[in-house]
Structures are given as C-alpha cells and as structure tokens.
Amino acid sequence: MSIRKKPWNRTDHPVYSISSTDGKENNMHIISYVTAISMQPKRYVVGVFEGTKTLELVEKNPLFVLQILSQKQAPLVRLLGQQSGKKVNKIERLKKRKLLTEWEGFPVLKEAAAVLLLRANESFDGGDHRGFVCDVLAYKNLNDEAILTLNYLRDKKIIRG
C-alpha cells in the first residue's frame, strides 16, 4: 500500500448495495459508507449519495434492504454504482440476468453474502451524502462467500483509489 494514498483510501471496507422502494418503483445502488454504531439496539449509519434515485426512494419510504456483497458480485458495481437509477432500470436488467430473489418484500441479489432490513429513523447532512441512522429490523446470512471489499475493487481496477 502506498503511503501517498489519502487516509480514507488506505483502509479497506465492505461493499454494500441498497434495495429501496417507494411501493411503485424499486432501485439498487452501491454504497460503501456504512458502519454499525450500536449493539443494543442494533443500529447502522448509512450514507446515501445526494441526487440519486436511491435517496429519493429512501426519503419516501424509510424501509430498505442493505445487502453485503460477495466477491462474485464485483462485476455488478458497474451497473449498480456507475449508472443512474434515474436513467437505467437496474431491477429489470438484474431480472433479465436472473440475479434476483425476494426477501421481506424487496428484490435482493441472489449471491449477496447477507441482507439486513433497515428502517431509517433520522437523517443528517453528510456533505455529498445524506446520512441515515437506521434500526436493524431483520437479517439473514445467505452464503459464506468472500465479502466484496473496496481493495478488491481497486485491485481489479473496477474503481480508482
């Protein structure tokens, strides 16, 4: 690892996807600004990029699924993270590729390592992201595959940094 990297690019973090809905539309989006902040009750803080379809949906419906991605899913980063849900129907593309199943009423990725049903209780300005403090309502481990991380994506040249 290069000491010239910016401090926030020197650490490795899991890569997640949010499955969100307003009851009519669904979307998925890649996120990496996620951290558990409480053991009792179990809570996470999730940062959703400003101006995204996902942010619009989470602001309409505070329930969403946080998916912990597996390394097998690295190719999905280009669809889920580098294309806008305002321009591309990501759910339809994933359905055509037979990559989806359903959990707790949400479309989820079949090969995700785990899924968590979250409820956003409050939000705050995080600069170019909107932060949400979320309660964990339910969770399920789906497989024991290796977790997708930012360093894995950097090593495969899928992202910069």
N, C-alpha and C. Protein backbone atom coordinates (compact mmCIF):
# COMPACT_ATOMS: atom_id res chain seq x y z
N MET A 1 0.85 -1.18 0.00
CA MET A 1 0.00 0.00 0.00
C MET A 1 0.89 1.24 0.00
N SER A 2 0.55 2.20 -0.77
CA SER A 2 1.33 3.42 -0.89
C SER A 2 0.97 4.39 0.23
N ILE A 3 2.01 4.96 0.85
CA ILE A 3 1.80 5.97 1.89
C ILE A 3 1.26 7.26 1.28
N ARG A 4 1.33 7.38 -0.04
CA ARG A 4 0.83 8.59 -0.71
C ARG A 4 -0.69 8.58 -0.84
N LYS A 5 -1.33 7.45 -0.57
CA LYS A 5 -2.79 7.43 -0.65
C LYS A 5 -3.39 8.33 0.42
N LYS A 6 -4.52 8.91 0.10
CA LYS A 6 -5.24 9.71 1.08
C LYS A 6 -5.69 8.78 2.21
N PRO A 7 -5.79 9.28 3.45
CA PRO A 7 -6.11 8.41 4.58
C PRO A 7 -7.37 7.56 4.39
N TRP A 8 -8.41 8.15 3.78
CA TRP A 8 -9.67 7.41 3.60
C TRP A 8 -9.56 6.34 2.52
N ASN A 9 -8.52 6.37 1.71
CA ASN A 9 -8.31 5.32 0.71
C ASN A 9 -7.31 4.27 1.17
N ARG A 10 -6.79 4.40 2.38
CA ARG A 10 -5.83 3.43 2.89
C ARG A 10 -6.52 2.28 3.62
N THR A 11 -7.75 2.46 4.02
CA THR A 11 -8.46 1.41 4.74
C THR A 11 -9.33 0.62 3.77
N ASP A 12 -9.62 -0.61 4.15
CA ASP A 12 -10.46 -1.47 3.34
C ASP A 12 -11.83 -1.59 4.01
N HIS A 13 -12.89 -1.52 3.22
CA HIS A 13 -14.24 -1.61 3.75
C HIS A 13 -15.08 -2.54 2.88
N PRO A 14 -16.11 -3.16 3.46
CA PRO A 14 -17.03 -3.95 2.65
C PRO A 14 -17.78 -3.06 1.66
N VAL A 15 -18.26 -3.69 0.61
CA VAL A 15 -19.10 -3.01 -0.39
C VAL A 15 -20.52 -3.54 -0.22
N TYR A 16 -21.46 -2.62 -0.21
CA TYR A 16 -22.87 -2.93 0.01
C TYR A 16 -23.70 -2.46 -1.17
N SER A 17 -24.94 -2.93 -1.21
CA SER A 17 -25.94 -2.39 -2.11
C SER A 17 -27.20 -2.16 -1.31
N ILE A 18 -27.92 -1.11 -1.66
CA ILE A 18 -29.23 -0.85 -1.06
C ILE A 18 -30.30 -1.26 -2.07
N SER A 19 -31.30 -1.98 -1.59
CA SER A 19 -32.50 -2.23 -2.37
C SER A 19 -33.60 -1.38 -1.73
N SER A 20 -34.11 -0.43 -2.52
CA SER A 20 -35.09 0.53 -1.98
C SER A 20 -36.34 0.55 -2.86
N THR A 21 -37.44 1.00 -2.25
CA THR A 21 -38.70 1.09 -2.98
C THR A 21 -39.58 2.17 -2.37
N ASP A 22 -40.45 2.73 -3.18
CA ASP A 22 -41.49 3.62 -2.66
C ASP A 22 -42.86 2.94 -2.79
N GLY A 23 -42.85 1.64 -3.08
CA GLY A 23 -44.09 0.90 -3.26
C GLY A 23 -44.46 0.74 -4.73
N LYS A 24 -43.90 1.59 -5.57
CA LYS A 24 -44.16 1.52 -7.01
C LYS A 24 -42.89 1.23 -7.78
N GLU A 25 -41.83 1.92 -7.42
CA GLU A 25 -40.54 1.75 -8.10
C GLU A 25 -39.54 1.11 -7.14
N ASN A 26 -38.63 0.33 -7.72
CA ASN A 26 -37.52 -0.25 -6.95
C ASN A 26 -36.21 0.20 -7.58
N ASN A 27 -35.17 0.22 -6.76
CA ASN A 27 -33.85 0.57 -7.27
C ASN A 27 -32.80 -0.14 -6.41
N MET A 28 -31.62 -0.31 -6.99
CA MET A 28 -30.46 -0.79 -6.24
C MET A 28 -29.31 0.15 -6.54
N HIS A 29 -28.47 0.32 -5.52
CA HIS A 29 -27.36 1.26 -5.62
C HIS A 29 -26.21 0.74 -4.77
N ILE A 30 -24.99 0.91 -5.24
CA ILE A 30 -23.80 0.54 -4.48
C ILE A 30 -23.50 1.62 -3.46
N ILE A 31 -23.16 1.21 -2.24
CA ILE A 31 -22.69 2.15 -1.24
C ILE A 31 -21.55 1.51 -0.45
N SER A 32 -20.69 2.36 0.07
CA SER A 32 -19.61 1.84 0.92
C SER A 32 -19.52 2.61 2.24
N TYR A 33 -20.27 3.71 2.37
CA TYR A 33 -20.26 4.46 3.62
C TYR A 33 -21.32 3.88 4.55
N VAL A 34 -20.93 2.83 5.27
CA VAL A 34 -21.81 2.10 6.17
C VAL A 34 -21.01 1.72 7.41
N THR A 35 -21.61 1.90 8.57
CA THR A 35 -20.97 1.43 9.80
C THR A 35 -22.01 1.09 10.85
N ALA A 36 -21.74 0.03 11.59
CA ALA A 36 -22.57 -0.30 12.75
C ALA A 36 -22.19 0.69 13.86
N ILE A 37 -23.20 1.23 14.55
CA ILE A 37 -22.89 2.21 15.60
C ILE A 37 -23.45 1.84 16.96
N SER A 38 -24.28 0.79 17.04
CA SER A 38 -24.88 0.42 18.31
C SER A 38 -25.12 -1.09 18.33
N MET A 39 -24.85 -1.70 19.48
CA MET A 39 -25.12 -3.13 19.63
C MET A 39 -26.54 -3.36 20.16
N GLN A 40 -27.05 -2.45 21.02
CA GLN A 40 -28.36 -2.63 21.62
C GLN A 40 -29.07 -1.28 21.69
N PRO A 41 -30.01 -0.96 20.85
CA PRO A 41 -30.45 -1.79 19.74
C PRO A 41 -29.41 -1.79 18.62
N LYS A 42 -29.47 -2.78 17.76
CA LYS A 42 -28.53 -2.87 16.64
C LYS A 42 -28.88 -1.77 15.66
N ARG A 43 -27.89 -0.89 15.42
CA ARG A 43 -28.10 0.25 14.51
C ARG A 43 -26.91 0.41 13.59
N TYR A 44 -27.20 0.95 12.41
CA TYR A 44 -26.19 1.29 11.42
C TYR A 44 -26.36 2.76 11.04
N VAL A 45 -25.29 3.37 10.58
CA VAL A 45 -25.35 4.63 9.87
C VAL A 45 -25.01 4.32 8.43
N VAL A 46 -25.86 4.78 7.52
CA VAL A 46 -25.71 4.52 6.09
C VAL A 46 -25.68 5.85 5.36
N GLY A 47 -24.67 6.04 4.52
CA GLY A 47 -24.55 7.26 3.72
C GLY A 47 -24.99 7.02 2.29
N VAL A 48 -26.01 7.75 1.86
CA VAL A 48 -26.55 7.61 0.50
C VAL A 48 -26.19 8.87 -0.29
N PHE A 49 -25.61 8.66 -1.46
CA PHE A 49 -25.14 9.77 -2.29
C PHE A 49 -26.29 10.69 -2.68
N GLU A 50 -26.06 11.99 -2.56
CA GLU A 50 -27.06 13.00 -2.93
C GLU A 50 -27.39 12.90 -4.42
N GLY A 51 -28.63 13.21 -4.76
CA GLY A 51 -29.05 13.27 -6.15
C GLY A 51 -29.38 11.94 -6.79
N THR A 52 -29.37 10.85 -6.01
CA THR A 52 -29.61 9.52 -6.57
C THR A 52 -31.08 9.11 -6.45
N LYS A 53 -31.46 8.17 -7.29
CA LYS A 53 -32.79 7.56 -7.22
C LYS A 53 -32.98 6.89 -5.85
N THR A 54 -31.91 6.25 -5.37
CA THR A 54 -31.99 5.59 -4.06
C THR A 54 -32.33 6.59 -2.96
N LEU A 55 -31.72 7.74 -2.97
CA LEU A 55 -32.02 8.75 -1.95
C LEU A 55 -33.49 9.17 -2.04
N GLU A 56 -33.98 9.39 -3.25
CA GLU A 56 -35.40 9.75 -3.43
C GLU A 56 -36.31 8.69 -2.82
N LEU A 57 -36.00 7.41 -3.06
CA LEU A 57 -36.85 6.32 -2.57
C LEU A 57 -36.77 6.19 -1.05
N VAL A 58 -35.56 6.29 -0.48
CA VAL A 58 -35.41 6.16 0.98
C VAL A 58 -36.09 7.33 1.69
N GLU A 59 -36.09 8.50 1.08
CA GLU A 59 -36.79 9.63 1.69
C GLU A 59 -38.30 9.45 1.65
N LYS A 60 -38.82 8.70 0.68
CA LYS A 60 -40.25 8.40 0.60
C LYS A 60 -40.64 7.23 1.50
N ASN A 61 -39.77 6.23 1.58
CA ASN A 61 -40.05 5.02 2.36
C ASN A 61 -38.79 4.69 3.17
N PRO A 62 -38.85 4.82 4.49
CA PRO A 62 -37.65 4.62 5.31
C PRO A 62 -37.20 3.17 5.44
N LEU A 63 -37.96 2.22 4.91
CA LEU A 63 -37.55 0.81 4.94
C LEU A 63 -36.74 0.49 3.70
N PHE A 64 -35.61 -0.17 3.87
CA PHE A 64 -34.80 -0.63 2.75
C PHE A 64 -33.94 -1.80 3.18
N VAL A 65 -33.40 -2.50 2.21
CA VAL A 65 -32.54 -3.65 2.49
C VAL A 65 -31.10 -3.27 2.16
N LEU A 66 -30.25 -3.51 3.14
CA LEU A 66 -28.81 -3.36 2.97
C LEU A 66 -28.25 -4.74 2.66
N GLN A 67 -27.57 -4.87 1.52
CA GLN A 67 -27.01 -6.15 1.09
C GLN A 67 -25.49 -6.08 1.19
N ILE A 68 -24.90 -7.05 1.87
CA ILE A 68 -23.44 -7.16 1.90
C ILE A 68 -23.06 -8.01 0.70
N LEU A 69 -22.28 -7.44 -0.20
CA LEU A 69 -21.97 -8.12 -1.46
C LEU A 69 -20.82 -9.11 -1.30
N SER A 70 -20.83 -10.12 -2.15
CA SER A 70 -19.74 -11.11 -2.20
C SER A 70 -18.82 -10.77 -3.37
N GLN A 71 -17.61 -11.31 -3.34
CA GLN A 71 -16.65 -11.03 -4.41
C GLN A 71 -17.17 -11.42 -5.78
N LYS A 72 -17.99 -12.46 -5.85
CA LYS A 72 -18.59 -12.88 -7.12
C LYS A 72 -19.36 -11.73 -7.78
N GLN A 73 -19.82 -10.79 -6.98
CA GLN A 73 -20.68 -9.73 -7.48
C GLN A 73 -19.92 -8.48 -7.91
N ALA A 74 -18.61 -8.53 -7.92
CA ALA A 74 -17.80 -7.37 -8.32
C ALA A 74 -18.24 -6.80 -9.68
N PRO A 75 -18.55 -7.62 -10.69
CA PRO A 75 -18.97 -7.04 -11.97
C PRO A 75 -20.26 -6.20 -11.90
N LEU A 76 -21.07 -6.40 -10.87
CA LEU A 76 -22.31 -5.63 -10.74
C LEU A 76 -22.07 -4.17 -10.35
N VAL A 77 -20.86 -3.85 -9.89
CA VAL A 77 -20.56 -2.48 -9.47
C VAL A 77 -20.76 -1.51 -10.62
N ARG A 78 -20.44 -1.93 -11.82
CA ARG A 78 -20.60 -1.02 -12.97
C ARG A 78 -22.08 -0.67 -13.20
N LEU A 79 -22.96 -1.64 -13.06
CA LEU A 79 -24.40 -1.38 -13.22
C LEU A 79 -24.95 -0.64 -12.01
N LEU A 80 -24.69 -1.16 -10.81
CA LEU A 80 -25.34 -0.64 -9.61
C LEU A 80 -24.72 0.65 -9.08
N GLY A 81 -23.45 0.89 -9.38
CA GLY A 81 -22.79 2.05 -8.82
C GLY A 81 -22.35 3.09 -9.81
N GLN A 82 -22.23 2.71 -11.07
CA GLN A 82 -21.71 3.66 -12.06
C GLN A 82 -22.76 4.08 -13.08
N GLN A 83 -24.00 3.64 -12.86
CA GLN A 83 -25.11 4.06 -13.71
C GLN A 83 -26.23 4.59 -12.82
N SER A 84 -26.94 5.57 -13.30
CA SER A 84 -28.01 6.20 -12.53
C SER A 84 -29.32 5.43 -12.64
N GLY A 85 -29.96 5.20 -11.50
CA GLY A 85 -31.28 4.61 -11.49
C GLY A 85 -32.34 5.52 -12.09
N LYS A 86 -32.00 6.78 -12.29
CA LYS A 86 -32.92 7.72 -12.94
C LYS A 86 -32.93 7.50 -14.45
N LYS A 87 -31.87 6.87 -14.98
CA LYS A 87 -31.76 6.64 -16.42
C LYS A 87 -31.87 5.17 -16.80
N VAL A 88 -31.52 4.28 -15.89
CA VAL A 88 -31.46 2.84 -16.17
C VAL A 88 -32.33 2.10 -15.16
N ASN A 89 -33.17 1.20 -15.65
CA ASN A 89 -33.95 0.36 -14.75
C ASN A 89 -33.07 -0.83 -14.34
N LYS A 90 -32.38 -0.66 -13.23
CA LYS A 90 -31.42 -1.67 -12.78
C LYS A 90 -32.12 -2.98 -12.40
N ILE A 91 -33.29 -2.87 -11.81
CA ILE A 91 -34.03 -4.07 -11.39
C ILE A 91 -34.39 -4.92 -12.61
N GLU A 92 -34.88 -4.31 -13.67
CA GLU A 92 -35.21 -5.06 -14.88
C GLU A 92 -33.98 -5.74 -15.48
N ARG A 93 -32.87 -5.04 -15.48
CA ARG A 93 -31.63 -5.64 -16.01
C ARG A 93 -31.20 -6.83 -15.16
N LEU A 94 -31.33 -6.71 -13.85
CA LEU A 94 -30.95 -7.82 -12.96
C LEU A 94 -31.93 -9.00 -13.12
N LYS A 95 -33.22 -8.70 -13.31
CA LYS A 95 -34.21 -9.77 -13.54
C LYS A 95 -33.89 -10.54 -14.81
N LYS A 96 -33.55 -9.82 -15.89
CA LYS A 96 -33.23 -10.48 -17.16
C LYS A 96 -32.04 -11.41 -17.02
N ARG A 97 -31.12 -11.06 -16.13
CA ARG A 97 -29.93 -11.88 -15.90
C ARG A 97 -30.16 -12.95 -14.82
N LYS A 98 -31.39 -13.02 -14.30
CA LYS A 98 -31.78 -13.99 -13.29
C LYS A 98 -30.90 -13.92 -12.03
N LEU A 99 -30.62 -12.68 -11.60
CA LEU A 99 -29.75 -12.46 -10.46
C LEU A 99 -30.51 -12.08 -9.19
N LEU A 100 -31.84 -12.03 -9.27
CA LEU A 100 -32.64 -11.56 -8.13
C LEU A 100 -33.47 -12.66 -7.50
N THR A 101 -33.71 -12.47 -6.22
CA THR A 101 -34.71 -13.22 -5.48
C THR A 101 -35.46 -12.18 -4.65
N GLU A 102 -36.34 -12.61 -3.78
CA GLU A 102 -37.09 -11.67 -2.95
C GLU A 102 -36.89 -12.01 -1.49
N TRP A 103 -36.80 -10.98 -0.66
CA TRP A 103 -36.69 -11.15 0.79
C TRP A 103 -37.38 -9.97 1.46
N GLU A 104 -38.28 -10.25 2.37
CA GLU A 104 -39.01 -9.22 3.12
C GLU A 104 -39.71 -8.22 2.19
N GLY A 105 -40.15 -8.71 1.02
CA GLY A 105 -40.87 -7.86 0.08
C GLY A 105 -39.98 -7.00 -0.81
N PHE A 106 -38.68 -7.20 -0.76
CA PHE A 106 -37.73 -6.43 -1.57
C PHE A 106 -36.99 -7.35 -2.53
N PRO A 107 -36.70 -6.85 -3.74
CA PRO A 107 -35.81 -7.62 -4.60
C PRO A 107 -34.39 -7.56 -4.00
N VAL A 108 -33.73 -8.71 -3.91
CA VAL A 108 -32.36 -8.77 -3.41
C VAL A 108 -31.52 -9.64 -4.34
N LEU A 109 -30.23 -9.43 -4.29
CA LEU A 109 -29.30 -10.17 -5.12
C LEU A 109 -29.09 -11.58 -4.57
N LYS A 110 -29.24 -12.58 -5.43
CA LYS A 110 -29.14 -13.98 -5.01
C LYS A 110 -27.80 -14.31 -4.35
N GLU A 111 -26.72 -13.75 -4.85
CA GLU A 111 -25.40 -14.14 -4.35
C GLU A 111 -24.84 -13.19 -3.30
N ALA A 112 -25.69 -12.32 -2.74
CA ALA A 112 -25.22 -11.46 -1.66
C ALA A 112 -24.81 -12.34 -0.47
N ALA A 113 -23.85 -11.88 0.31
CA ALA A 113 -23.41 -12.62 1.48
C ALA A 113 -24.45 -12.57 2.59
N ALA A 114 -25.09 -11.42 2.75
CA ALA A 114 -26.10 -11.24 3.80
C ALA A 114 -27.00 -10.07 3.43
N VAL A 115 -28.17 -10.06 4.04
CA VAL A 115 -29.13 -8.97 3.85
C VAL A 115 -29.64 -8.51 5.21
N LEU A 116 -29.89 -7.22 5.33
CA LEU A 116 -30.42 -6.64 6.56
C LEU A 116 -31.57 -5.71 6.20
N LEU A 117 -32.70 -5.88 6.84
CA LEU A 117 -33.82 -4.97 6.68
C LEU A 117 -33.62 -3.83 7.66
N LEU A 118 -33.51 -2.61 7.13
CA LEU A 118 -33.27 -1.43 7.96
C LEU A 118 -34.43 -0.46 7.87
N ARG A 119 -34.60 0.29 8.96
CA ARG A 119 -35.56 1.39 8.97
C ARG A 119 -34.79 2.65 9.34
N ALA A 120 -34.80 3.63 8.45
CA ALA A 120 -34.14 4.90 8.70
C ALA A 120 -34.98 5.70 9.69
N ASN A 121 -34.38 6.06 10.82
CA ASN A 121 -35.10 6.80 11.86
C ASN A 121 -34.88 8.30 11.78
N GLU A 122 -33.68 8.69 11.41
CA GLU A 122 -33.36 10.10 11.28
C GLU A 122 -32.27 10.25 10.25
N SER A 123 -32.15 11.47 9.72
CA SER A 123 -31.12 11.70 8.72
C SER A 123 -30.38 12.99 9.03
N PHE A 124 -29.22 13.14 8.41
CA PHE A 124 -28.40 14.32 8.62
C PHE A 124 -27.61 14.62 7.36
N ASP A 125 -27.21 15.88 7.21
CA ASP A 125 -26.42 16.31 6.08
C ASP A 125 -25.01 15.78 6.25
N GLY A 126 -24.55 15.02 5.26
CA GLY A 126 -23.20 14.49 5.29
C GLY A 126 -22.34 15.04 4.17
N GLY A 127 -22.66 16.21 3.67
CA GLY A 127 -21.91 16.78 2.55
C GLY A 127 -22.50 16.27 1.24
N ASP A 128 -21.72 15.45 0.50
CA ASP A 128 -22.25 14.92 -0.76
C ASP A 128 -23.08 13.64 -0.56
N HIS A 129 -23.25 13.24 0.70
CA HIS A 129 -24.10 12.11 1.07
C HIS A 129 -25.12 12.55 2.12
N ARG A 130 -26.21 11.83 2.18
CA ARG A 130 -27.20 12.01 3.25
C ARG A 130 -27.01 10.83 4.19
N GLY A 131 -26.77 11.12 5.46
CA GLY A 131 -26.58 10.06 6.45
C GLY A 131 -27.90 9.66 7.08
N PHE A 132 -28.10 8.36 7.26
CA PHE A 132 -29.31 7.84 7.90
C PHE A 132 -28.91 6.96 9.08
N VAL A 133 -29.51 7.23 10.23
CA VAL A 133 -29.36 6.35 11.39
C VAL A 133 -30.49 5.34 11.30
N CYS A 134 -30.13 4.05 11.24
CA CYS A 134 -31.10 3.00 10.92
C CYS A 134 -31.13 1.91 11.98
N ASP A 135 -32.33 1.44 12.29
CA ASP A 135 -32.51 0.25 13.13
C ASP A 135 -32.51 -0.99 12.26
N VAL A 136 -31.89 -2.06 12.75
CA VAL A 136 -31.95 -3.35 12.08
C VAL A 136 -33.24 -4.04 12.52
N LEU A 137 -34.12 -4.34 11.58
CA LEU A 137 -35.39 -5.00 11.88
C LEU A 137 -35.32 -6.50 11.68
N ALA A 138 -34.48 -6.94 10.74
CA ALA A 138 -34.31 -8.37 10.46
C ALA A 138 -33.02 -8.53 9.67
N TYR A 139 -32.48 -9.74 9.67
CA TYR A 139 -31.28 -10.02 8.86
C TYR A 139 -31.26 -11.49 8.51
N LYS A 140 -30.45 -11.79 7.47
CA LYS A 140 -30.31 -13.19 7.05
C LYS A 140 -28.95 -13.33 6.36
N ASN A 141 -28.18 -14.32 6.80
CA ASN A 141 -26.95 -14.69 6.09
C ASN A 141 -27.34 -15.57 4.92
N LEU A 142 -26.84 -15.27 3.74
CA LEU A 142 -27.22 -16.03 2.55
C LEU A 142 -26.15 -17.03 2.12
N ASN A 143 -24.88 -16.69 2.32
CA ASN A 143 -23.81 -17.62 1.94
C ASN A 143 -22.52 -17.25 2.66
N ASP A 144 -21.53 -18.11 2.53
CA ASP A 144 -20.23 -17.90 3.17
C ASP A 144 -19.17 -17.44 2.19
N GLU A 145 -19.58 -16.90 1.06
CA GLU A 145 -18.63 -16.41 0.06
C GLU A 145 -17.80 -15.27 0.64
N ALA A 146 -16.62 -15.06 0.07
CA ALA A 146 -15.77 -13.94 0.49
C ALA A 146 -16.50 -12.62 0.25
N ILE A 147 -16.37 -11.70 1.19
CA ILE A 147 -17.02 -10.39 1.11
C ILE A 147 -16.30 -9.51 0.09
N LEU A 148 -17.07 -8.79 -0.70
CA LEU A 148 -16.52 -7.82 -1.64
C LEU A 148 -16.04 -6.60 -0.84
N THR A 149 -14.82 -6.16 -1.11
CA THR A 149 -14.26 -5.00 -0.41
C THR A 149 -13.76 -3.97 -1.42
N LEU A 150 -13.54 -2.77 -0.92
CA LEU A 150 -13.02 -1.71 -1.78
C LEU A 150 -11.64 -2.06 -2.33
N ASN A 151 -10.78 -2.69 -1.52
CA ASN A 151 -9.46 -3.07 -2.02
C ASN A 151 -9.56 -4.10 -3.14
N TYR A 152 -10.50 -5.02 -3.05
CA TYR A 152 -10.71 -5.99 -4.12
C TYR A 152 -11.08 -5.26 -5.41
N LEU A 153 -11.98 -4.28 -5.32
CA LEU A 153 -12.39 -3.50 -6.49
C LEU A 153 -11.22 -2.68 -7.03
N ARG A 154 -10.38 -2.15 -6.14
CA ARG A 154 -9.20 -1.40 -6.58
C ARG A 154 -8.21 -2.32 -7.29
N ASP A 155 -7.98 -3.49 -6.70
CA ASP A 155 -7.04 -4.46 -7.29
C ASP A 155 -7.49 -4.92 -8.67
N LYS A 156 -8.78 -5.05 -8.87
CA LYS A 156 -9.34 -5.49 -10.16
C LYS A 156 -9.55 -4.31 -11.12
N LYS A 157 -9.18 -3.10 -10.67
CA LYS A 157 -9.28 -1.88 -11.47
C LYS A 157 -10.72 -1.54 -11.85
N ILE A 158 -11.66 -1.93 -10.99
CA ILE A 158 -13.07 -1.58 -11.19
C ILE A 158 -13.34 -0.17 -10.68
N ILE A 159 -12.61 0.21 -9.61
CA ILE A 159 -12.67 1.58 -9.10
C ILE A 159 -11.26 2.13 -8.93
N ARG A 160 -11.17 3.45 -8.85
CA ARG A 160 -9.87 4.10 -8.59
C ARG A 160 -9.67 4.25 -7.10
N GLY A 161 -8.46 4.62 -6.72
CA GLY A 161 -8.24 4.97 -5.33
C GLY A 161 -7.16 4.21 -4.73
